[in-house]
Each structure stands twice: as structure tokens, then as C-alpha cells.
Amino acid sequence: QAAEDRPPSPFGILAKEERRFPPHVLTQLINL
């Protein structure tokens, strides 16, 4: 439930230049 809609995550740094995942998939992974 918490991962559905979260504010900016401290794990967002993981998304920098990440190419393995589509953006919306990466967002869900980071939120989880």
C-alpha cells in the first residue's frame, strides 16, 4: 500500500542513468 504513491525517495539516486528498467517500473521498484 505504501509503495503506491510515495514522495521522492532517498533511493531515487539509483535511477540515475539506469537503463535496465522502464521509468514506471523503476519507480515502483524504488517505492517498494
PDB file of all heavy atoms in Angstrom:
ATOM      1  N   GLN A   1       0.818  -1.204   0.000  1.00  0.00           N
ATOM      2  CA  GLN A   1       0.000   0.000   0.000  1.00  0.00           C
ATOM      3  C   GLN A   1       0.856   1.261   0.000  1.00  0.00           C
ATOM      4  O   GLN A   1       0.575   2.216  -0.726  1.00  0.00           O
ATOM      5  CB  GLN A   1      -0.922  -0.015   1.214  1.00  0.00           C
ATOM      6  CG  GLN A   1      -1.989  -1.119   1.161  1.00  0.00           C
ATOM      7  CD  GLN A   1      -2.798  -1.212   2.435  1.00  0.00           C
ATOM      8  OE1 GLN A   1      -2.433  -0.658   3.469  1.00  0.00           O
ATOM      9  NE2 GLN A   1      -3.923  -1.925   2.368  1.00  0.00           N
ATOM     10  N   ALA A   2       1.916   1.260   0.806  1.00  0.00           N
ATOM     11  CA  ALA A   2       2.751   2.454   0.928  1.00  0.00           C
ATOM     12  C   ALA A   2       3.488   2.776  -0.364  1.00  0.00           C
ATOM     13  O   ALA A   2       3.797   3.941  -0.645  1.00  0.00           O
ATOM     14  CB  ALA A   2       3.750   2.281   2.073  1.00  0.00           C
ATOM     15  N   ALA A   3       3.778   1.740  -1.158  1.00  0.00           N
ATOM     16  CA  ALA A   3       4.547   1.953  -2.389  1.00  0.00           C
ATOM     17  C   ALA A   3       3.709   2.530  -3.517  1.00  0.00           C
ATOM     18  O   ALA A   3       4.242   2.905  -4.562  1.00  0.00           O
ATOM     19  CB  ALA A   3       5.167   0.630  -2.841  1.00  0.00           C
ATOM     20  N   GLU A   4       2.391   2.637  -3.333  1.00  0.00           N
ATOM     21  CA  GLU A   4       1.518   3.098  -4.414  1.00  0.00           C
ATOM     22  C   GLU A   4       1.781   4.550  -4.770  1.00  0.00           C
ATOM     23  O   GLU A   4       1.869   4.915  -5.947  1.00  0.00           O
ATOM     24  CB  GLU A   4       0.051   2.914  -4.030  1.00  0.00           C
ATOM     25  CG  GLU A   4      -0.898   3.330  -5.139  1.00  0.00           C
ATOM     26  CD  GLU A   4      -2.347   3.010  -4.806  1.00  0.00           C
ATOM     27  OE1 GLU A   4      -2.614   2.594  -3.650  1.00  0.00           O
ATOM     28  OE2 GLU A   4      -3.198   3.176  -5.686  1.00  0.00           O
ATOM     29  N   ASP A   5       1.937   5.365  -3.793  1.00  0.00           N
ATOM     30  CA  ASP A   5       2.097   6.795  -4.076  1.00  0.00           C
ATOM     31  C   ASP A   5       2.954   7.404  -2.981  1.00  0.00           C
ATOM     32  O   ASP A   5       2.462   7.807  -1.934  1.00  0.00           O
ATOM     33  CB  ASP A   5       0.745   7.490  -4.145  1.00  0.00           C
ATOM     34  CG  ASP A   5       0.885   8.951  -4.558  1.00  0.00           C
ATOM     35  OD1 ASP A   5       1.937   9.300  -5.123  1.00  0.00           O
ATOM     36  OD2 ASP A   5      -0.050   9.729  -4.305  1.00  0.00           O
ATOM     37  N   ARG A   6       4.270   7.455  -3.221  1.00  0.00           N
ATOM     38  CA  ARG A   6       5.189   7.939  -2.200  1.00  0.00           C
ATOM     39  C   ARG A   6       5.857   9.230  -2.666  1.00  0.00           C
ATOM     40  O   ARG A   6       6.023   9.451  -3.868  1.00  0.00           O
ATOM     41  CB  ARG A   6       6.277   6.900  -1.900  1.00  0.00           C
ATOM     42  CG  ARG A   6       5.727   5.602  -1.328  1.00  0.00           C
ATOM     43  CD  ARG A   6       6.861   4.706  -0.850  1.00  0.00           C
ATOM     44  NE  ARG A   6       7.598   5.327   0.239  1.00  0.00           N
ATOM     45  CZ  ARG A   6       7.246   5.291   1.513  1.00  0.00           C
ATOM     46  NH1 ARG A   6       6.126   4.688   1.866  1.00  0.00           N
ATOM     47  NH2 ARG A   6       7.984   5.843   2.445  1.00  0.00           N
ATOM     48  N   PRO A   7       6.270  10.076  -1.737  1.00  0.00           N
ATOM     49  CA  PRO A   7       7.052  11.266  -2.097  1.00  0.00           C
ATOM     50  C   PRO A   7       8.436  10.844  -2.578  1.00  0.00           C
ATOM     51  O   PRO A   7       8.784   9.672  -2.525  1.00  0.00           O
ATOM     52  CB  PRO A   7       7.118  12.042  -0.775  1.00  0.00           C
ATOM     53  CG  PRO A   7       6.976  10.988   0.280  1.00  0.00           C
ATOM     54  CD  PRO A   7       6.028   9.979  -0.282  1.00  0.00           C
ATOM     55  N   PRO A   8       9.241  11.780  -3.053  1.00  0.00           N
ATOM     56  CA  PRO A   8      10.582  11.441  -3.530  1.00  0.00           C
ATOM     57  C   PRO A   8      11.350  10.601  -2.505  1.00  0.00           C
ATOM     58  O   PRO A   8      11.381  10.901  -1.317  1.00  0.00           O
ATOM     59  CB  PRO A   8      11.237  12.810  -3.744  1.00  0.00           C
ATOM     60  CG  PRO A   8      10.086  13.716  -4.056  1.00  0.00           C
ATOM     61  CD  PRO A   8       8.948  13.218  -3.204  1.00  0.00           C
ATOM     62  N   SER A   9      11.959   9.539  -2.993  1.00  0.00           N
ATOM     63  CA  SER A   9      12.619   8.573  -2.121  1.00  0.00           C
ATOM     64  C   SER A   9      14.121   8.819  -2.058  1.00  0.00           C
ATOM     65  O   SER A   9      14.729   9.222  -3.054  1.00  0.00           O
ATOM     66  CB  SER A   9      12.356   7.157  -2.643  1.00  0.00           C
ATOM     67  OG  SER A   9      13.255   6.247  -2.069  1.00  0.00           O
ATOM     68  N   PRO A  10      14.760   8.563  -0.916  1.00  0.00           N
ATOM     69  CA  PRO A  10      16.226   8.656  -0.858  1.00  0.00           C
ATOM     70  C   PRO A  10      16.908   7.642  -1.759  1.00  0.00           C
ATOM     71  O   PRO A  10      18.082   7.781  -2.074  1.00  0.00           O
ATOM     72  CB  PRO A  10      16.540   8.379   0.621  1.00  0.00           C
ATOM     73  CG  PRO A  10      15.352   7.655   1.141  1.00  0.00           C
ATOM     74  CD  PRO A  10      14.183   8.195   0.380  1.00  0.00           C
ATOM     75  N   PHE A  11      16.164   6.613  -2.190  1.00  0.00           N
ATOM     76  CA  PHE A  11      16.731   5.633  -3.098  1.00  0.00           C
ATOM     77  C   PHE A  11      16.625   6.084  -4.558  1.00  0.00           C
ATOM     78  O   PHE A  11      17.014   5.365  -5.457  1.00  0.00           O
ATOM     79  CB  PHE A  11      16.041   4.278  -2.926  1.00  0.00           C
ATOM     80  CG  PHE A  11      16.298   3.649  -1.590  1.00  0.00           C
ATOM     81  CD1 PHE A  11      15.343   3.694  -0.596  1.00  0.00           C
ATOM     82  CD2 PHE A  11      17.503   3.031  -1.327  1.00  0.00           C
ATOM     83  CE1 PHE A  11      15.586   3.125   0.646  1.00  0.00           C
ATOM     84  CE2 PHE A  11      17.761   2.464  -0.092  1.00  0.00           C
ATOM     85  CZ  PHE A  11      16.802   2.510   0.893  1.00  0.00           C
ATOM     86  N   GLY A  12      16.110   7.283  -4.779  1.00  0.00           N
ATOM     87  CA  GLY A  12      15.990   7.788  -6.136  1.00  0.00           C
ATOM     88  C   GLY A  12      17.319   7.921  -6.850  1.00  0.00           C
ATOM     89  O   GLY A  12      17.380   7.920  -8.081  1.00  0.00           O
ATOM     90  N   ILE A  13      18.419   8.018  -6.093  1.00  0.00           N
ATOM     91  CA  ILE A  13      19.745   8.097  -6.699  1.00  0.00           C
ATOM     92  C   ILE A  13      20.027   6.868  -7.550  1.00  0.00           C
ATOM     93  O   ILE A  13      20.824   6.885  -8.484  1.00  0.00           O
ATOM     94  CB  ILE A  13      20.828   8.259  -5.596  1.00  0.00           C
ATOM     95  CG1 ILE A  13      22.181   8.583  -6.222  1.00  0.00           C
ATOM     96  CG2 ILE A  13      20.918   7.008  -4.749  1.00  0.00           C
ATOM     97  CD1 ILE A  13      22.235   9.911  -6.902  1.00  0.00           C
ATOM     98  N   LEU A  14      19.344   5.756  -7.240  1.00  0.00           N
ATOM     99  CA  LEU A  14      19.526   4.524  -8.008  1.00  0.00           C
ATOM    100  C   LEU A  14      19.061   4.699  -9.454  1.00  0.00           C
ATOM    101  O   LEU A  14      19.467   3.933 -10.336  1.00  0.00           O
ATOM    102  CB  LEU A  14      18.751   3.375  -7.362  1.00  0.00           C
ATOM    103  CG  LEU A  14      19.146   2.988  -5.937  1.00  0.00           C
ATOM    104  CD1 LEU A  14      18.192   1.936  -5.402  1.00  0.00           C
ATOM    105  CD2 LEU A  14      20.572   2.475  -5.891  1.00  0.00           C
ATOM    106  N   ALA A  15      18.185   5.648  -9.685  1.00  0.00           N
ATOM    107  CA  ALA A  15      17.605   5.828 -11.017  1.00  0.00           C
ATOM    108  C   ALA A  15      18.525   6.594 -11.970  1.00  0.00           C
ATOM    109  O   ALA A  15      18.265   6.647 -13.166  1.00  0.00           O
ATOM    110  CB  ALA A  15      16.271   6.568 -10.899  1.00  0.00           C
ATOM    111  N   LYS A  16      19.594   7.178 -11.479  1.00  0.00           N
ATOM    112  CA  LYS A  16      20.466   7.989 -12.312  1.00  0.00           C
ATOM    113  C   LYS A  16      21.101   7.147 -13.415  1.00  0.00           C
ATOM    114  O   LYS A  16      21.822   6.191 -13.144  1.00  0.00           O
ATOM    115  CB  LYS A  16      21.544   8.644 -11.461  1.00  0.00           C
ATOM    116  CG  LYS A  16      22.406   9.629 -12.240  1.00  0.00           C
ATOM    117  CD  LYS A  16      23.437  10.292 -11.338  1.00  0.00           C
ATOM    118  CE  LYS A  16      24.268  11.293 -12.121  1.00  0.00           C
ATOM    119  NZ  LYS A  16      25.288  11.937 -11.266  1.00  0.00           N
ATOM    120  N   GLU A  17      20.797   7.491 -14.642  1.00  0.00           N
ATOM    121  CA  GLU A  17      21.332   6.820 -15.825  1.00  0.00           C
ATOM    122  C   GLU A  17      21.021   5.323 -15.840  1.00  0.00           C
ATOM    123  O   GLU A  17      21.726   4.540 -16.479  1.00  0.00           O
ATOM    124  CB  GLU A  17      22.846   7.044 -15.926  1.00  0.00           C
ATOM    125  CG  GLU A  17      23.219   8.514 -16.082  1.00  0.00           C
ATOM    126  CD  GLU A  17      24.711   8.713 -16.225  1.00  0.00           C
ATOM    127  OE1 GLU A  17      25.458   7.718 -16.188  1.00  0.00           O
ATOM    128  OE2 GLU A  17      25.124   9.877 -16.353  1.00  0.00           O
ATOM    129  N   GLU A  18      19.989   4.900 -15.148  1.00  0.00           N
ATOM    130  CA  GLU A  18      19.585   3.492 -15.144  1.00  0.00           C
ATOM    131  C   GLU A  18      18.873   3.174 -16.468  1.00  0.00           C
ATOM    132  O   GLU A  18      17.960   3.877 -16.870  1.00  0.00           O
ATOM    133  CB  GLU A  18      18.654   3.217 -13.961  1.00  0.00           C
ATOM    134  CG  GLU A  18      18.108   1.800 -13.914  1.00  0.00           C
ATOM    135  CD  GLU A  18      19.184   0.749 -13.842  1.00  0.00           C
ATOM    136  OE1 GLU A  18      19.872   0.685 -12.807  1.00  0.00           O
ATOM    137  OE2 GLU A  18      19.338   0.012 -14.829  1.00  0.00           O
ATOM    138  N   ARG A  19      19.301   2.096 -17.138  1.00  0.00           N
ATOM    139  CA  ARG A  19      18.738   1.747 -18.433  1.00  0.00           C
ATOM    140  C   ARG A  19      18.096   0.361 -18.449  1.00  0.00           C
ATOM    141  O   ARG A  19      17.552  -0.050 -19.468  1.00  0.00           O
ATOM    142  CB  ARG A  19      19.840   1.787 -19.505  1.00  0.00           C
ATOM    143  CG  ARG A  19      20.450   3.170 -19.709  1.00  0.00           C
ATOM    144  CD  ARG A  19      19.451   4.123 -20.345  1.00  0.00           C
ATOM    145  NE  ARG A  19      20.027   5.434 -20.573  1.00  0.00           N
ATOM    146  CZ  ARG A  19      19.945   6.456 -19.730  1.00  0.00           C
ATOM    147  NH1 ARG A  19      19.291   6.310 -18.574  1.00  0.00           N
ATOM    148  NH2 ARG A  19      20.499   7.620 -20.007  1.00  0.00           N
ATOM    149  N   ARG A  20      18.150  -0.356 -17.352  1.00  0.00           N
ATOM    150  CA  ARG A  20      17.621  -1.719 -17.360  1.00  0.00           C
ATOM    151  C   ARG A  20      16.106  -1.784 -17.259  1.00  0.00           C
ATOM    152  O   ARG A  20      15.500  -2.790 -17.629  1.00  0.00           O
ATOM    153  CB  ARG A  20      18.225  -2.530 -16.204  1.00  0.00           C
ATOM    154  CG  ARG A  20      19.670  -2.919 -16.399  1.00  0.00           C
ATOM    155  CD  ARG A  20      20.168  -3.738 -15.229  1.00  0.00           C
ATOM    156  NE  ARG A  20      20.144  -2.974 -13.986  1.00  0.00           N
ATOM    157  CZ  ARG A  20      20.374  -3.509 -12.786  1.00  0.00           C
ATOM    158  NH1 ARG A  20      20.603  -4.804 -12.672  1.00  0.00           N
ATOM    159  NH2 ARG A  20      20.360  -2.750 -11.701  1.00  0.00           N
ATOM    160  N   PHE A  21      15.495  -0.711 -16.712  1.00  0.00           N
ATOM    161  CA  PHE A  21      14.060  -0.755 -16.439  1.00  0.00           C
ATOM    162  C   PHE A  21      13.343   0.427 -17.098  1.00  0.00           C
ATOM    163  O   PHE A  21      13.874   1.535 -17.125  1.00  0.00           O
ATOM    164  CB  PHE A  21      13.804  -0.701 -14.930  1.00  0.00           C
ATOM    165  CG  PHE A  21      14.538  -1.743 -14.140  1.00  0.00           C
ATOM    166  CD1 PHE A  21      15.717  -1.416 -13.479  1.00  0.00           C
ATOM    167  CD2 PHE A  21      14.066  -3.038 -14.053  1.00  0.00           C
ATOM    168  CE1 PHE A  21      16.408  -2.371 -12.748  1.00  0.00           C
ATOM    169  CE2 PHE A  21      14.742  -3.993 -13.319  1.00  0.00           C
ATOM    170  CZ  PHE A  21      15.916  -3.669 -12.666  1.00  0.00           C
ATOM    171  N   PRO A  22      12.113   0.206 -17.580  1.00  0.00           N
ATOM    172  CA  PRO A  22      11.288   1.343 -17.994  1.00  0.00           C
ATOM    173  C   PRO A  22      11.065   2.271 -16.794  1.00  0.00           C
ATOM    174  O   PRO A  22      11.053   1.810 -15.642  1.00  0.00           O
ATOM    175  CB  PRO A  22       9.974   0.678 -18.431  1.00  0.00           C
ATOM    176  CG  PRO A  22      10.343  -0.740 -18.752  1.00  0.00           C
ATOM    177  CD  PRO A  22      11.454  -1.087 -17.800  1.00  0.00           C
ATOM    178  N   PRO A  23      10.888   3.568 -17.012  1.00  0.00           N
ATOM    179  CA  PRO A  23      10.772   4.514 -15.894  1.00  0.00           C
ATOM    180  C   PRO A  23       9.703   4.151 -14.869  1.00  0.00           C
ATOM    181  O   PRO A  23       9.938   4.245 -13.666  1.00  0.00           O
ATOM    182  CB  PRO A  23      10.465   5.841 -16.594  1.00  0.00           C
ATOM    183  CG  PRO A  23      11.088   5.700 -17.933  1.00  0.00           C
ATOM    184  CD  PRO A  23      10.902   4.254 -18.320  1.00  0.00           C
ATOM    185  N   HIS A  24       8.518   3.737 -15.327  1.00  0.00           N
ATOM    186  CA  HIS A  24       7.453   3.454 -14.362  1.00  0.00           C
ATOM    187  C   HIS A  24       7.753   2.192 -13.556  1.00  0.00           C
ATOM    188  O   HIS A  24       7.354   2.079 -12.402  1.00  0.00           O
ATOM    189  CB  HIS A  24       6.102   3.339 -15.067  1.00  0.00           C
ATOM    190  CG  HIS A  24       5.941   2.127 -15.922  1.00  0.00           C
ATOM    191  ND1 HIS A  24       6.561   1.992 -17.151  1.00  0.00           N
ATOM    192  CD2 HIS A  24       5.239   0.977 -15.725  1.00  0.00           C
ATOM    193  CE1 HIS A  24       6.240   0.828 -17.682  1.00  0.00           C
ATOM    194  NE2 HIS A  24       5.439   0.189 -16.837  1.00  0.00           N
ATOM    195  N   VAL A  25       8.487   1.244 -14.172  1.00  0.00           N
ATOM    196  CA  VAL A  25       8.892   0.042 -13.436  1.00  0.00           C
ATOM    197  C   VAL A  25       9.929   0.396 -12.374  1.00  0.00           C
ATOM    198  O   VAL A  25       9.858  -0.046 -11.224  1.00  0.00           O
ATOM    199  CB  VAL A  25       9.445  -1.025 -14.402  1.00  0.00           C
ATOM    200  CG1 VAL A  25      10.131  -2.158 -13.643  1.00  0.00           C
ATOM    201  CG2 VAL A  25       8.324  -1.578 -15.271  1.00  0.00           C
ATOM    202  N   LEU A  26      10.900   1.208 -12.766  1.00  0.00           N
ATOM    203  CA  LEU A  26      11.925   1.623 -11.816  1.00  0.00           C
ATOM    204  C   LEU A  26      11.307   2.398 -10.656  1.00  0.00           C
ATOM    205  O   LEU A  26      11.712   2.234  -9.497  1.00  0.00           O
ATOM    206  CB  LEU A  26      12.974   2.476 -12.530  1.00  0.00           C
ATOM    207  CG  LEU A  26      14.194   2.876 -11.694  1.00  0.00           C
ATOM    208  CD1 LEU A  26      14.924   1.644 -11.177  1.00  0.00           C
ATOM    209  CD2 LEU A  26      15.140   3.743 -12.513  1.00  0.00           C
ATOM    210  N   THR A  27      10.321   3.230 -10.940  1.00  0.00           N
ATOM    211  CA  THR A  27       9.643   3.975  -9.880  1.00  0.00           C
ATOM    212  C   THR A  27       8.993   3.031  -8.877  1.00  0.00           C
ATOM    213  O   THR A  27       9.106   3.223  -7.657  1.00  0.00           O
ATOM    214  CB  THR A  27       8.577   4.905 -10.478  1.00  0.00           C
ATOM    215  OG1 THR A  27       9.219   5.867 -11.323  1.00  0.00           O
ATOM    216  CG2 THR A  27       7.803   5.628  -9.386  1.00  0.00           C
ATOM    217  N   GLN A  28       8.329   1.997  -9.377  1.00  0.00           N
ATOM    218  CA  GLN A  28       7.700   1.037  -8.471  1.00  0.00           C
ATOM    219  C   GLN A  28       8.738   0.295  -7.630  1.00  0.00           C
ATOM    220  O   GLN A  28       8.545   0.061  -6.429  1.00  0.00           O
ATOM    221  CB  GLN A  28       6.877   0.019  -9.280  1.00  0.00           C
ATOM    222  CG  GLN A  28       5.642   0.613  -9.939  1.00  0.00           C
ATOM    223  CD  GLN A  28       4.891  -0.435 -10.738  1.00  0.00           C
ATOM    224  OE1 GLN A  28       4.205  -1.281 -10.168  1.00  0.00           O
ATOM    225  NE2 GLN A  28       5.037  -0.393 -12.058  1.00  0.00           N
ATOM    226  N   LEU A  29       9.851  -0.093  -8.260  1.00  0.00           N
ATOM    227  CA  LEU A  29      10.909  -0.795  -7.524  1.00  0.00           C
ATOM    228  C   LEU A  29      11.481   0.093  -6.418  1.00  0.00           C
ATOM    229  O   LEU A  29      11.705  -0.360  -5.286  1.00  0.00           O
ATOM    230  CB  LEU A  29      12.016  -1.219  -8.484  1.00  0.00           C
ATOM    231  CG  LEU A  29      11.675  -2.355  -9.453  1.00  0.00           C
ATOM    232  CD1 LEU A  29      12.767  -2.491 -10.511  1.00  0.00           C
ATOM    233  CD2 LEU A  29      11.495  -3.675  -8.701  1.00  0.00           C
ATOM    234  N   ILE A  30      11.723   1.365  -6.755  1.00  0.00           N
ATOM    235  CA  ILE A  30      12.270   2.297  -5.758  1.00  0.00           C
ATOM    236  C   ILE A  30      11.271   2.519  -4.634  1.00  0.00           C
ATOM    237  O   ILE A  30      11.637   2.538  -3.445  1.00  0.00           O
ATOM    238  CB  ILE A  30      12.660   3.628  -6.426  1.00  0.00           C
ATOM    239  CG1 ILE A  30      13.873   3.419  -7.344  1.00  0.00           C
ATOM    240  CG2 ILE A  30      12.960   4.692  -5.382  1.00  0.00           C
ATOM    241  CD1 ILE A  30      14.241   4.631  -8.162  1.00  0.00           C
ATOM    242  N   ASN A  31       9.998   2.670  -4.972  1.00  0.00           N
ATOM    243  CA  ASN A  31       8.982   2.874  -3.936  1.00  0.00           C
ATOM    244  C   ASN A  31       8.873   1.664  -3.014  1.00  0.00           C
ATOM    245  O   ASN A  31       8.715   1.813  -1.794  1.00  0.00           O
ATOM    246  CB  ASN A  31       7.638   3.172  -4.585  1.00  0.00           C
ATOM    247  CG  ASN A  31       7.559   4.563  -5.175  1.00  0.00           C
ATOM    248  OD1 ASN A  31       8.437   5.396  -4.943  1.00  0.00           O
ATOM    249  ND2 ASN A  31       6.530   4.830  -5.948  1.00  0.00           N
ATOM    250  N   LEU A  32       8.934   0.478  -3.582  1.00  0.00           N
ATOM    251  CA  LEU A  32       8.895  -0.730  -2.754  1.00  0.00           C
ATOM    252  C   LEU A  32      10.125  -0.783  -1.847  1.00  0.00           C
ATOM    253  O   LEU A  32      10.017  -1.091  -0.649  1.00  0.00           O
ATOM    254  CB  LEU A  32       8.840  -1.974  -3.638  1.00  0.00           C
ATOM    255  CG  LEU A  32       7.491  -2.288  -4.297  1.00  0.00           C
ATOM    256  CD1 LEU A  32       7.667  -3.356  -5.364  1.00  0.00           C
ATOM    257  CD2 LEU A  32       6.476  -2.754  -3.254  1.00  0.00           C
TER     258      LEU A  32
END
